[in-house]
Amino acid sequence: MDIRYHNRNRFQGLMVLSIWCISAFSNTDGSAPQVSPTNKEISNPSVMGCLLSLHYDHGDSYFYNHSGLSDPKFNDVLNVDILSGDSCDGIIYDIEMFGLSSLTRYLIGEGSHRQLFTSMLFDNQPEIASKFHEHSCVGILIERLPAGVFADHFQLQHLVNHNVFLGAYVHGDRNLELPSALSNGSIVEVHTNIRSDADKLVVRLPLHARYPPVDSSGYANITIGRPDVFMRCRQKGSKGGYFSWFFIDMGSFSKSIVTWRIPSGYEAHAWVVTTVTFLSALVCSVLIILSSLYFM
C-alpha cells in the first residue's frame, strides 16, 4: 500500500515538473502596452446633414456591397446615405444644439484587454440646453478598428442586455482567434441614449489586441483614428415613428487619434525562442511517456 502511494506521488511530481517545463519557456512578455496621452482639443464642428429614418445600420449598408474595410469607400457610403438626406427639413430646426466643444479619447486599463474611452462635450450654452429638453436623442458612435484590434461581439451583446448600450454591432472580421497578420479591419457601431440633462456623450468601448507579428523594436503600434458620430433625434410628443439623423463632422478635432503600443517580441529572438520551446516540449513529452510506461 505504501509502495503504491509512494509511486503515485512520484508520478504526480513528474507531471507537475513536465507542465512547469512547458509553461516556463512559453511565457511571453507581460508588460502593459503603452498609450498616447489624453487627446483633447477645443473646437465646435458643424452638423452637415440629416436623414429621415426610423433605424439605419451603417455597417450593414457598407458590408452588403464590400468584403473588406476601406476608409474612402466607407466614407462614400456615409456621404450618400447621410449627407445627401434633405427630407428632414422642419423636423428639428435647432441643429446648433448638436455642436461639440471638445473631444477626449484615451485607453483605460493595462495589458491586451482595454477600454477605449470617448467623451464628447456638447456646446451646452443656456439657450441651447433648454432646447435639448425638447428632444429625445440617441448618440451613434462608429469606430473603424485596424487589423490588430477587435471588439468581441458577444461581450458587446452582454453590455446591451445589461442596458449599458442601447445597441452594439460589429461588422467585418469577427473572428476572435486570428492573429493580427491574418485578420482584417472591422467597424463597431454603438448606440447610446442621451439624457435631456446630459452635457456630454461618454462611451467606454471594450477592445482586445490581437497577437502582432514580431518586430525589430519589440512592439507594434496600433493607431485608432477619430470616430464618426451621428445623432438620431425627434421632438418629444411628436407623432409618428420617424427620426432625424444628423452627422457631426469631426474634422476639427485633429488630435483625436489614439495609439496602442503592443508588445510583439523581438524578431532577432525568434529562432532562440522557437528552438528552446521545441526542445523543452520534446523533453517534457518524453518524460510524460516514460512516467506513464513506468507506472502502468
C-alpha atoms as a PDB file:
ATOM      1  CA  MET A   1       0.000   0.000   0.000  1.00  0.00           C
ATOM      2  CA  ASP A   2       2.842   2.384   0.918  1.00  0.00           C
ATOM      3  CA  ILE A   3       4.708   1.499  -2.284  1.00  0.00           C
ATOM      4  CA  ARG A   4       1.666   2.350  -4.444  1.00  0.00           C
ATOM      5  CA  TYR A   5       1.164   5.617  -2.589  1.00  0.00           C
ATOM      6  CA  HIS A   6       4.854   6.479  -2.992  1.00  0.00           C
ATOM      7  CA  ASN A   7       4.789   5.674  -6.711  1.00  0.00           C
ATOM      8  CA  ARG A   8       1.650   7.760  -7.198  1.00  0.00           C
ATOM      9  CA  ASN A   9       3.357  10.747  -5.549  1.00  0.00           C
ATOM     10  CA  ARG A  10       6.377  10.307  -7.822  1.00  0.00           C
ATOM     11  CA  PHE A  11       4.099  10.196 -10.865  1.00  0.00           C
ATOM     12  CA  GLN A  12       2.283  13.362  -9.789  1.00  0.00           C
ATOM     13  CA  GLY A  13       5.616  15.054  -9.193  1.00  0.00           C
ATOM     14  CA  LEU A  14       6.807  14.204 -12.706  1.00  0.00           C
ATOM     15  CA  MET A  15       3.549  15.525 -14.186  1.00  0.00           C
ATOM     16  CA  VAL A  16       3.909  18.829 -12.331  1.00  0.00           C
ATOM     17  CA  LEU A  17       7.539  19.089 -13.476  1.00  0.00           C
ATOM     18  CA  SER A  18       6.527  18.445 -17.098  1.00  0.00           C
ATOM     19  CA  ILE A  19       3.823  21.105 -17.036  1.00  0.00           C
ATOM     20  CA  TRP A  20       6.244  23.587 -15.467  1.00  0.00           C
ATOM     21  CA  CYS A  21       8.811  22.901 -18.203  1.00  0.00           C
ATOM     22  CA  ILE A  22       6.325  23.757 -20.932  1.00  0.00           C
ATOM     23  CA  SER A  23       4.933  26.871 -19.252  1.00  0.00           C
ATOM     24  CA  ALA A  24       8.352  28.210 -18.256  1.00  0.00           C
ATOM     25  CA  PHE A  25       9.534  28.545 -21.841  1.00  0.00           C
ATOM     26  CA  SER A  26       6.245  29.649 -23.375  1.00  0.00           C
ATOM     27  CA  ASN A  27       5.748  32.679 -21.112  1.00  0.00           C
ATOM     28  CA  THR A  28       5.517  35.938 -23.063  1.00  0.00           C
ATOM     29  CA  ASP A  29       6.326  39.484 -22.148  1.00  0.00           C
ATOM     30  CA  GLY A  30       3.578  40.651 -19.793  1.00  0.00           C
ATOM     31  CA  SER A  31       4.428  44.321 -19.865  1.00  0.00           C
ATOM     32  CA  ALA A  32       1.476  46.595 -20.419  1.00  0.00           C
ATOM     33  CA  PRO A  33       1.117  48.305 -23.808  1.00  0.00           C
ATOM     34  CA  GLN A  34       1.857  51.993 -23.717  1.00  0.00           C
ATOM     35  CA  VAL A  35      -0.743  54.533 -24.713  1.00  0.00           C
ATOM     36  CA  SER A  36      -0.545  58.004 -26.115  1.00  0.00           C
ATOM     37  CA  PRO A  37      -1.644  60.685 -23.612  1.00  0.00           C
ATOM     38  CA  THR A  38      -5.128  62.127 -23.464  1.00  0.00           C
ATOM     39  CA  ASN A  39      -6.067  63.865 -26.702  1.00  0.00           C
ATOM     40  CA  LYS A  40      -8.143  66.934 -26.106  1.00  0.00           C
ATOM     41  CA  GLU A  41      -8.863  69.931 -28.277  1.00  0.00           C
ATOM     42  CA  ILE A  42     -11.442  72.670 -28.052  1.00  0.00           C
ATOM     43  CA  SER A  43     -13.476  73.063 -31.210  1.00  0.00           C
ATOM     44  CA  ASN A  44     -17.033  73.278 -32.481  1.00  0.00           C
ATOM     45  CA  PRO A  45     -17.710  71.074 -35.520  1.00  0.00           C
ATOM     46  CA  SER A  46     -20.774  71.712 -37.636  1.00  0.00           C
ATOM     47  CA  VAL A  47     -23.746  69.484 -38.329  1.00  0.00           C
ATOM     48  CA  MET A  48     -23.535  68.560 -42.001  1.00  0.00           C
ATOM     49  CA  GLY A  49     -26.855  66.925 -42.812  1.00  0.00           C
ATOM     50  CA  CYS A  50     -29.640  64.569 -41.792  1.00  0.00           C
ATOM     51  CA  LEU A  51     -31.568  61.504 -42.836  1.00  0.00           C
ATOM     52  CA  LEU A  52     -35.216  60.748 -42.151  1.00  0.00           C
ATOM     53  CA  SER A  53     -35.341  57.160 -40.896  1.00  0.00           C
ATOM     54  CA  LEU A  54     -36.553  55.044 -38.003  1.00  0.00           C
ATOM     55  CA  HIS A  55     -33.464  52.834 -37.985  1.00  0.00           C
ATOM     56  CA  TYR A  56     -30.368  52.605 -40.103  1.00  0.00           C
ATOM     57  CA  ASP A  57     -27.433  50.209 -39.739  1.00  0.00           C
ATOM     58  CA  HIS A  58     -24.469  51.924 -41.396  1.00  0.00           C
ATOM     59  CA  GLY A  59     -22.192  48.894 -41.218  1.00  0.00           C
ATOM     60  CA  ASP A  60     -24.689  46.567 -42.893  1.00  0.00           C
ATOM     61  CA  SER A  61     -25.185  49.080 -45.674  1.00  0.00           C
ATOM     62  CA  TYR A  62     -21.452  49.092 -46.371  1.00  0.00           C
ATOM     63  CA  PHE A  63     -20.576  45.397 -45.995  1.00  0.00           C
ATOM     64  CA  TYR A  64     -23.553  44.371 -48.108  1.00  0.00           C
ATOM     65  CA  ASN A  65     -21.561  45.585 -51.136  1.00  0.00           C
ATOM     66  CA  HIS A  66     -17.954  45.348 -49.874  1.00  0.00           C
ATOM     67  CA  SER A  67     -15.992  42.399 -48.490  1.00  0.00           C
ATOM     68  CA  GLY A  68     -13.285  44.431 -46.742  1.00  0.00           C
ATOM     69  CA  LEU A  69     -12.975  47.707 -44.876  1.00  0.00           C
ATOM     70  CA  SER A  70     -11.702  50.674 -46.876  1.00  0.00           C
ATOM     71  CA  ASP A  71     -11.930  54.156 -45.377  1.00  0.00           C
ATOM     72  CA  PRO A  72     -12.549  56.010 -48.690  1.00  0.00           C
ATOM     73  CA  LYS A  73     -15.309  53.581 -49.707  1.00  0.00           C
ATOM     74  CA  PHE A  74     -16.908  53.675 -46.265  1.00  0.00           C
ATOM     75  CA  ASN A  75     -16.856  57.480 -46.348  1.00  0.00           C
ATOM     76  CA  ASP A  76     -18.647  57.347 -49.700  1.00  0.00           C
ATOM     77  CA  VAL A  77     -21.414  55.253 -48.126  1.00  0.00           C
ATOM     78  CA  LEU A  78     -21.809  57.783 -45.308  1.00  0.00           C
ATOM     79  CA  ASN A  79     -21.871  60.687 -47.754  1.00  0.00           C
ATOM     80  CA  VAL A  80     -24.599  59.106 -49.884  1.00  0.00           C
ATOM     81  CA  ASP A  81     -26.744  57.767 -47.048  1.00  0.00           C
ATOM     82  CA  ILE A  82     -26.452  60.637 -44.574  1.00  0.00           C
ATOM     83  CA  LEU A  83     -25.163  63.854 -46.076  1.00  0.00           C
ATOM     84  CA  SER A  84     -27.431  63.679 -49.117  1.00  0.00           C
ATOM     85  CA  GLY A  85     -30.579  63.409 -46.999  1.00  0.00           C
ATOM     86  CA  ASP A  86     -32.664  66.555 -47.340  1.00  0.00           C
ATOM     87  CA  SER A  87     -36.148  65.252 -46.478  1.00  0.00           C
ATOM     88  CA  CYS A  88     -35.984  66.086 -42.762  1.00  0.00           C
ATOM     89  CA  ASP A  89     -36.348  69.831 -43.050  1.00  0.00           C
ATOM     90  CA  GLY A  90     -38.745  71.028 -40.394  1.00  0.00           C
ATOM     91  CA  ILE A  91     -38.306  68.041 -38.070  1.00  0.00           C
ATOM     92  CA  ILE A  92     -35.574  69.705 -35.991  1.00  0.00           C
ATOM     93  CA  TYR A  93     -34.730  73.344 -36.613  1.00  0.00           C
ATOM     94  CA  ASP A  94     -32.199  73.973 -33.855  1.00  0.00           C
ATOM     95  CA  ILE A  95     -29.346  71.865 -35.168  1.00  0.00           C
ATOM     96  CA  GLU A  96     -26.799  74.084 -33.394  1.00  0.00           C
ATOM     97  CA  MET A  97     -27.632  72.220 -30.192  1.00  0.00           C
ATOM     98  CA  PHE A  98     -25.554  69.292 -31.518  1.00  0.00           C
ATOM     99  CA  GLY A  99     -22.351  71.308 -31.646  1.00  0.00           C
ATOM    100  CA  LEU A 100     -19.426  69.883 -29.671  1.00  0.00           C
ATOM    101  CA  SER A 101     -16.919  71.928 -27.714  1.00  0.00           C
ATOM    102  CA  SER A 102     -14.347  69.179 -27.017  1.00  0.00           C
ATOM    103  CA  LEU A 103     -13.429  65.582 -27.782  1.00  0.00           C
ATOM    104  CA  THR A 104     -11.361  63.458 -25.370  1.00  0.00           C
ATOM    105  CA  ARG A 105     -10.109  59.961 -26.204  1.00  0.00           C
ATOM    106  CA  TYR A 106      -7.714  57.582 -24.457  1.00  0.00           C
ATOM    107  CA  LEU A 107      -7.285  53.942 -23.457  1.00  0.00           C
ATOM    108  CA  ILE A 108      -8.139  52.639 -19.977  1.00  0.00           C
ATOM    109  CA  GLY A 109      -6.553  49.612 -18.324  1.00  0.00           C
ATOM    110  CA  GLU A 110      -3.447  47.519 -18.874  1.00  0.00           C
ATOM    111  CA  GLY A 111      -2.418  44.549 -20.966  1.00  0.00           C
ATOM    112  CA  SER A 112      -4.099  43.375 -24.144  1.00  0.00           C
ATOM    113  CA  HIS A 113      -7.662  44.000 -22.949  1.00  0.00           C
ATOM    114  CA  ARG A 114      -8.516  47.684 -22.695  1.00  0.00           C
ATOM    115  CA  GLN A 115     -11.371  50.172 -22.901  1.00  0.00           C
ATOM    116  CA  LEU A 116     -11.416  52.965 -25.464  1.00  0.00           C
ATOM    117  CA  PHE A 117     -12.792  55.975 -23.583  1.00  0.00           C
ATOM    118  CA  THR A 118     -14.503  58.647 -25.671  1.00  0.00           C
ATOM    119  CA  SER A 119     -16.055  61.792 -24.194  1.00  0.00           C
ATOM    120  CA  MET A 120     -17.749  64.418 -26.352  1.00  0.00           C
ATOM    121  CA  LEU A 121     -18.761  67.615 -24.577  1.00  0.00           C
ATOM    122  CA  PHE A 122     -21.739  69.451 -26.026  1.00  0.00           C
ATOM    123  CA  ASP A 123     -21.604  73.197 -26.523  1.00  0.00           C
ATOM    124  CA  ASN A 124     -24.088  73.450 -23.672  1.00  0.00           C
ATOM    125  CA  GLN A 125     -24.897  77.143 -23.588  1.00  0.00           C
ATOM    126  CA  PRO A 126     -28.034  78.081 -21.582  1.00  0.00           C
ATOM    127  CA  GLU A 127     -30.199  78.767 -24.621  1.00  0.00           C
ATOM    128  CA  ILE A 128     -29.054  75.511 -26.229  1.00  0.00           C
ATOM    129  CA  ALA A 129     -29.544  73.454 -23.058  1.00  0.00           C
ATOM    130  CA  SER A 130     -33.215  74.415 -22.914  1.00  0.00           C
ATOM    131  CA  LYS A 131     -33.717  73.127 -26.461  1.00  0.00           C
ATOM    132  CA  PHE A 132     -32.163  69.784 -25.539  1.00  0.00           C
ATOM    133  CA  HIS A 133     -35.055  69.111 -23.170  1.00  0.00           C
ATOM    134  CA  GLU A 134     -37.465  69.309 -26.093  1.00  0.00           C
ATOM    135  CA  HIS A 135     -35.966  66.325 -27.951  1.00  0.00           C
ATOM    136  CA  SER A 136     -35.332  62.611 -27.422  1.00  0.00           C
ATOM    137  CA  CYS A 137     -31.910  61.757 -28.820  1.00  0.00           C
ATOM    138  CA  VAL A 138     -29.676  58.738 -29.308  1.00  0.00           C
ATOM    139  CA  GLY A 139     -25.948  59.020 -29.990  1.00  0.00           C
ATOM    140  CA  ILE A 140     -24.348  56.646 -32.512  1.00  0.00           C
ATOM    141  CA  LEU A 141     -20.583  56.182 -32.351  1.00  0.00           C
ATOM    142  CA  ILE A 142     -18.870  54.381 -35.243  1.00  0.00           C
ATOM    143  CA  GLU A 143     -15.299  53.169 -34.685  1.00  0.00           C
ATOM    144  CA  ARG A 144     -13.143  51.868 -37.535  1.00  0.00           C
ATOM    145  CA  LEU A 145     -10.731  49.384 -35.987  1.00  0.00           C
ATOM    146  CA  PRO A 146      -7.492  48.323 -37.718  1.00  0.00           C
ATOM    147  CA  ALA A 147      -6.457  44.696 -38.153  1.00  0.00           C
ATOM    148  CA  GLY A 148      -4.560  44.485 -34.850  1.00  0.00           C
ATOM    149  CA  VAL A 149      -7.556  45.310 -32.623  1.00  0.00           C
ATOM    150  CA  PHE A 150     -11.037  43.810 -32.342  1.00  0.00           C
ATOM    151  CA  ALA A 151     -14.239  44.127 -30.331  1.00  0.00           C
ATOM    152  CA  ASP A 152     -15.896  40.969 -29.006  1.00  0.00           C
ATOM    153  CA  HIS A 153     -19.489  40.971 -30.296  1.00  0.00           C
ATOM    154  CA  PHE A 154     -20.533  38.559 -27.536  1.00  0.00           C
ATOM    155  CA  GLN A 155     -19.196  40.953 -24.909  1.00  0.00           C
ATOM    156  CA  LEU A 156     -20.972  43.891 -26.547  1.00  0.00           C
ATOM    157  CA  GLN A 157     -24.243  41.974 -26.613  1.00  0.00           C
ATOM    158  CA  HIS A 158     -23.789  41.281 -22.896  1.00  0.00           C
ATOM    159  CA  LEU A 159     -23.464  45.033 -22.305  1.00  0.00           C
ATOM    160  CA  VAL A 160     -26.614  45.653 -24.341  1.00  0.00           C
ATOM    161  CA  ASN A 161     -28.501  43.092 -22.248  1.00  0.00           C
ATOM    162  CA  HIS A 162     -27.408  44.974 -19.108  1.00  0.00           C
ATOM    163  CA  ASN A 163     -28.546  48.340 -20.559  1.00  0.00           C
ATOM    164  CA  VAL A 164     -25.036  49.767 -20.872  1.00  0.00           C
ATOM    165  CA  PHE A 165     -25.695  50.375 -24.592  1.00  0.00           C
ATOM    166  CA  LEU A 166     -28.969  50.605 -26.478  1.00  0.00           C
ATOM    167  CA  GLY A 167     -27.402  48.606 -29.282  1.00  0.00           C
ATOM    168  CA  ALA A 168     -23.969  47.440 -30.445  1.00  0.00           C
ATOM    169  CA  TYR A 169     -22.943  45.907 -33.772  1.00  0.00           C
ATOM    170  CA  VAL A 170     -19.673  44.543 -35.143  1.00  0.00           C
ATOM    171  CA  HIS A 171     -19.201  44.396 -38.921  1.00  0.00           C
ATOM    172  CA  GLY A 172     -16.325  42.924 -40.873  1.00  0.00           C
ATOM    173  CA  ASP A 173     -13.836  40.499 -39.321  1.00  0.00           C
ATOM    174  CA  ARG A 174     -15.497  38.955 -36.247  1.00  0.00           C
ATOM    175  CA  ASN A 175     -13.070  36.041 -35.808  1.00  0.00           C
ATOM    176  CA  LEU A 176     -11.758  36.332 -32.243  1.00  0.00           C
ATOM    177  CA  GLU A 177      -8.864  33.869 -32.638  1.00  0.00           C
ATOM    178  CA  LEU A 178      -6.983  35.158 -35.673  1.00  0.00           C
ATOM    179  CA  PRO A 179      -3.580  36.830 -35.195  1.00  0.00           C
ATOM    180  CA  SER A 180      -3.022  40.326 -36.489  1.00  0.00           C
ATOM    181  CA  ALA A 181      -1.306  39.171 -39.699  1.00  0.00           C
ATOM    182  CA  LEU A 182      -4.333  37.099 -40.783  1.00  0.00           C
ATOM    183  CA  SER A 183      -7.118  39.446 -39.701  1.00  0.00           C
ATOM    184  CA  ASN A 184      -8.883  42.367 -41.350  1.00  0.00           C
ATOM    185  CA  GLY A 185     -10.274  45.632 -40.068  1.00  0.00           C
ATOM    186  CA  SER A 186     -13.753  45.945 -38.611  1.00  0.00           C
ATOM    187  CA  ILE A 187     -16.429  48.528 -37.864  1.00  0.00           C
ATOM    188  CA  VAL A 188     -18.048  48.821 -34.435  1.00  0.00           C
ATOM    189  CA  GLU A 189     -21.316  50.719 -34.125  1.00  0.00           C
ATOM    190  CA  VAL A 190     -22.529  51.668 -30.634  1.00  0.00           C
ATOM    191  CA  HIS A 191     -25.906  53.249 -29.835  1.00  0.00           C
ATOM    192  CA  THR A 192     -26.312  55.032 -26.505  1.00  0.00           C
ATOM    193  CA  ASN A 193     -29.097  57.104 -25.004  1.00  0.00           C
ATOM    194  CA  ILE A 194     -28.584  60.828 -24.329  1.00  0.00           C
ATOM    195  CA  ARG A 195     -30.429  62.215 -21.331  1.00  0.00           C
ATOM    196  CA  SER A 196     -32.079  65.603 -21.592  1.00  0.00           C
ATOM    197  CA  ASP A 197     -29.893  66.964 -18.780  1.00  0.00           C
ATOM    198  CA  ALA A 198     -26.660  65.482 -20.141  1.00  0.00           C
ATOM    199  CA  ASP A 199     -23.874  67.837 -21.160  1.00  0.00           C
ATOM    200  CA  LYS A 200     -21.711  65.173 -22.802  1.00  0.00           C
ATOM    201  CA  LEU A 201     -21.730  61.803 -24.515  1.00  0.00           C
ATOM    202  CA  VAL A 202     -19.441  59.195 -22.913  1.00  0.00           C
ATOM    203  CA  VAL A 203     -18.705  55.751 -24.376  1.00  0.00           C
ATOM    204  CA  ARG A 204     -16.392  53.078 -22.974  1.00  0.00           C
ATOM    205  CA  LEU A 205     -15.808  50.513 -25.691  1.00  0.00           C
ATOM    206  CA  PRO A 206     -14.026  47.275 -24.625  1.00  0.00           C
ATOM    207  CA  LEU A 207     -11.282  46.336 -27.086  1.00  0.00           C
ATOM    208  CA  HIS A 208      -8.827  43.465 -27.369  1.00  0.00           C
ATOM    209  CA  ALA A 209      -5.425  43.307 -29.053  1.00  0.00           C
ATOM    210  CA  ARG A 210      -4.565  40.505 -31.466  1.00  0.00           C
ATOM    211  CA  TYR A 211      -1.199  38.755 -31.466  1.00  0.00           C
ATOM    212  CA  PRO A 212       1.030  41.008 -33.609  1.00  0.00           C
ATOM    213  CA  PRO A 213       3.889  39.746 -35.800  1.00  0.00           C
ATOM    214  CA  VAL A 214       7.413  40.000 -34.391  1.00  0.00           C
ATOM    215  CA  ASP A 215       9.208  43.282 -34.941  1.00  0.00           C
ATOM    216  CA  SER A 216      12.766  44.532 -34.609  1.00  0.00           C
ATOM    217  CA  SER A 217      11.648  47.069 -31.973  1.00  0.00           C
ATOM    218  CA  GLY A 218       9.728  44.511 -29.930  1.00  0.00           C
ATOM    219  CA  TYR A 219       6.467  46.473 -30.187  1.00  0.00           C
ATOM    220  CA  ALA A 220       3.642  47.020 -32.642  1.00  0.00           C
ATOM    221  CA  ASN A 221       1.918  50.414 -32.780  1.00  0.00           C
ATOM    222  CA  ILE A 222      -1.812  50.240 -33.493  1.00  0.00           C
ATOM    223  CA  THR A 223      -3.485  53.526 -34.450  1.00  0.00           C
ATOM    224  CA  ILE A 224      -7.215  54.104 -33.975  1.00  0.00           C
ATOM    225  CA  GLY A 225      -8.486  57.147 -35.831  1.00  0.00           C
ATOM    226  CA  ARG A 226     -11.265  59.530 -34.885  1.00  0.00           C
ATOM    227  CA  PRO A 227     -14.796  58.122 -34.853  1.00  0.00           C
ATOM    228  CA  ASP A 228     -17.861  59.011 -36.880  1.00  0.00           C
ATOM    229  CA  VAL A 229     -20.678  60.404 -34.726  1.00  0.00           C
ATOM    230  CA  PHE A 230     -24.378  60.603 -35.524  1.00  0.00           C
ATOM    231  CA  MET A 231     -27.398  61.858 -33.606  1.00  0.00           C
ATOM    232  CA  ARG A 232     -30.831  60.326 -34.039  1.00  0.00           C
ATOM    233  CA  CYS A 233     -33.488  62.656 -32.623  1.00  0.00           C
ATOM    234  CA  ARG A 234     -37.106  63.639 -32.680  1.00  0.00           C
ATOM    235  CA  GLN A 235     -39.136  66.178 -30.761  1.00  0.00           C
ATOM    236  CA  LYS A 236     -40.822  64.911 -27.619  1.00  0.00           C
ATOM    237  CA  GLY A 237     -44.529  64.388 -28.044  1.00  0.00           C
ATOM    238  CA  SER A 238     -44.309  64.273 -31.834  1.00  0.00           C
ATOM    239  CA  LYS A 239     -46.484  61.724 -33.584  1.00  0.00           C
ATOM    240  CA  GLY A 240     -45.124  59.119 -35.953  1.00  0.00           C
ATOM    241  CA  GLY A 241     -42.073  56.877 -35.741  1.00  0.00           C
ATOM    242  CA  TYR A 242     -39.585  58.799 -37.864  1.00  0.00           C
ATOM    243  CA  PHE A 243     -36.344  60.278 -36.575  1.00  0.00           C
ATOM    244  CA  SER A 244     -33.908  62.833 -37.914  1.00  0.00           C
ATOM    245  CA  TRP A 245     -30.338  61.622 -38.375  1.00  0.00           C
ATOM    246  CA  PHE A 246     -27.555  64.189 -38.065  1.00  0.00           C
ATOM    247  CA  PHE A 247     -23.911  63.654 -38.923  1.00  0.00           C
ATOM    248  CA  ILE A 248     -21.435  65.600 -36.777  1.00  0.00           C
ATOM    249  CA  ASP A 249     -18.238  66.498 -38.574  1.00  0.00           C
ATOM    250  CA  MET A 250     -15.145  65.549 -36.540  1.00  0.00           C
ATOM    251  CA  GLY A 251     -12.713  67.168 -38.936  1.00  0.00           C
ATOM    252  CA  SER A 252     -11.881  69.963 -36.490  1.00  0.00           C
ATOM    253  CA  PHE A 253     -10.544  67.515 -33.908  1.00  0.00           C
ATOM    254  CA  SER A 254      -7.143  66.792 -35.386  1.00  0.00           C
ATOM    255  CA  LYS A 255      -5.741  65.237 -32.188  1.00  0.00           C
ATOM    256  CA  SER A 256      -8.366  62.556 -31.659  1.00  0.00           C
ATOM    257  CA  ILE A 257      -6.115  59.667 -32.736  1.00  0.00           C
ATOM    258  CA  VAL A 258      -5.237  57.031 -30.120  1.00  0.00           C
ATOM    259  CA  THR A 259      -2.084  54.882 -30.341  1.00  0.00           C
ATOM    260  CA  TRP A 260      -1.873  51.463 -28.682  1.00  0.00           C
ATOM    261  CA  ARG A 261       1.660  50.089 -28.265  1.00  0.00           C
ATOM    262  CA  ILE A 262       1.508  46.297 -28.003  1.00  0.00           C
ATOM    263  CA  PRO A 263       4.486  44.013 -27.153  1.00  0.00           C
ATOM    264  CA  SER A 264       5.227  41.818 -30.163  1.00  0.00           C
ATOM    265  CA  GLY A 265       8.507  40.058 -29.390  1.00  0.00           C
ATOM    266  CA  TYR A 266      11.915  40.801 -30.902  1.00  0.00           C
ATOM    267  CA  GLU A 267      12.495  39.463 -34.388  1.00  0.00           C
ATOM    268  CA  ALA A 268      16.117  38.615 -33.516  1.00  0.00           C
ATOM    269  CA  HIS A 269      14.956  36.353 -30.678  1.00  0.00           C
ATOM    270  CA  ALA A 270      12.513  34.342 -32.796  1.00  0.00           C
ATOM    271  CA  TRP A 271      14.851  31.437 -33.599  1.00  0.00           C
ATOM    272  CA  VAL A 272      16.056  31.192 -29.984  1.00  0.00           C
ATOM    273  CA  VAL A 273      12.508  31.087 -28.611  1.00  0.00           C
ATOM    274  CA  THR A 274      11.426  28.564 -31.260  1.00  0.00           C
ATOM    275  CA  THR A 275      14.377  26.250 -30.607  1.00  0.00           C
ATOM    276  CA  VAL A 276      14.138  26.352 -26.812  1.00  0.00           C
ATOM    277  CA  THR A 277      10.357  25.902 -26.870  1.00  0.00           C
ATOM    278  CA  PHE A 278      10.621  22.902 -29.207  1.00  0.00           C
ATOM    279  CA  LEU A 279      13.352  21.223 -27.142  1.00  0.00           C
ATOM    280  CA  SER A 280      11.568  21.834 -23.843  1.00  0.00           C
ATOM    281  CA  ALA A 281       8.302  20.465 -25.244  1.00  0.00           C
ATOM    282  CA  LEU A 282      10.141  17.418 -26.607  1.00  0.00           C
ATOM    283  CA  VAL A 283      11.884  16.683 -23.294  1.00  0.00           C
ATOM    284  CA  CYS A 284       8.688  17.133 -21.290  1.00  0.00           C
ATOM    285  CA  SER A 285       6.769  14.872 -23.684  1.00  0.00           C
ATOM    286  CA  VAL A 286       9.400  12.145 -23.307  1.00  0.00           C
ATOM    287  CA  LEU A 287       9.195  12.462 -19.514  1.00  0.00           C
ATOM    288  CA  ILE A 288       5.421  12.071 -19.630  1.00  0.00           C
ATOM    289  CA  ILE A 289       5.669   8.967 -21.853  1.00  0.00           C
ATOM    290  CA  LEU A 290       8.377   7.361 -19.690  1.00  0.00           C
ATOM    291  CA  SER A 291       6.494   8.065 -16.487  1.00  0.00           C
ATOM    292  CA  SER A 292       3.318   6.587 -17.982  1.00  0.00           C
ATOM    293  CA  LEU A 293       5.149   3.410 -19.035  1.00  0.00           C
ATOM    294  CA  TYR A 294       6.880   3.113 -15.669  1.00  0.00           C
ATOM    295  CA  PHE A 295       3.684   3.283 -13.620  1.00  0.00           C
ATOM    296  CA  MET A 296       1.472   1.141 -15.871  1.00  0.00           C
END
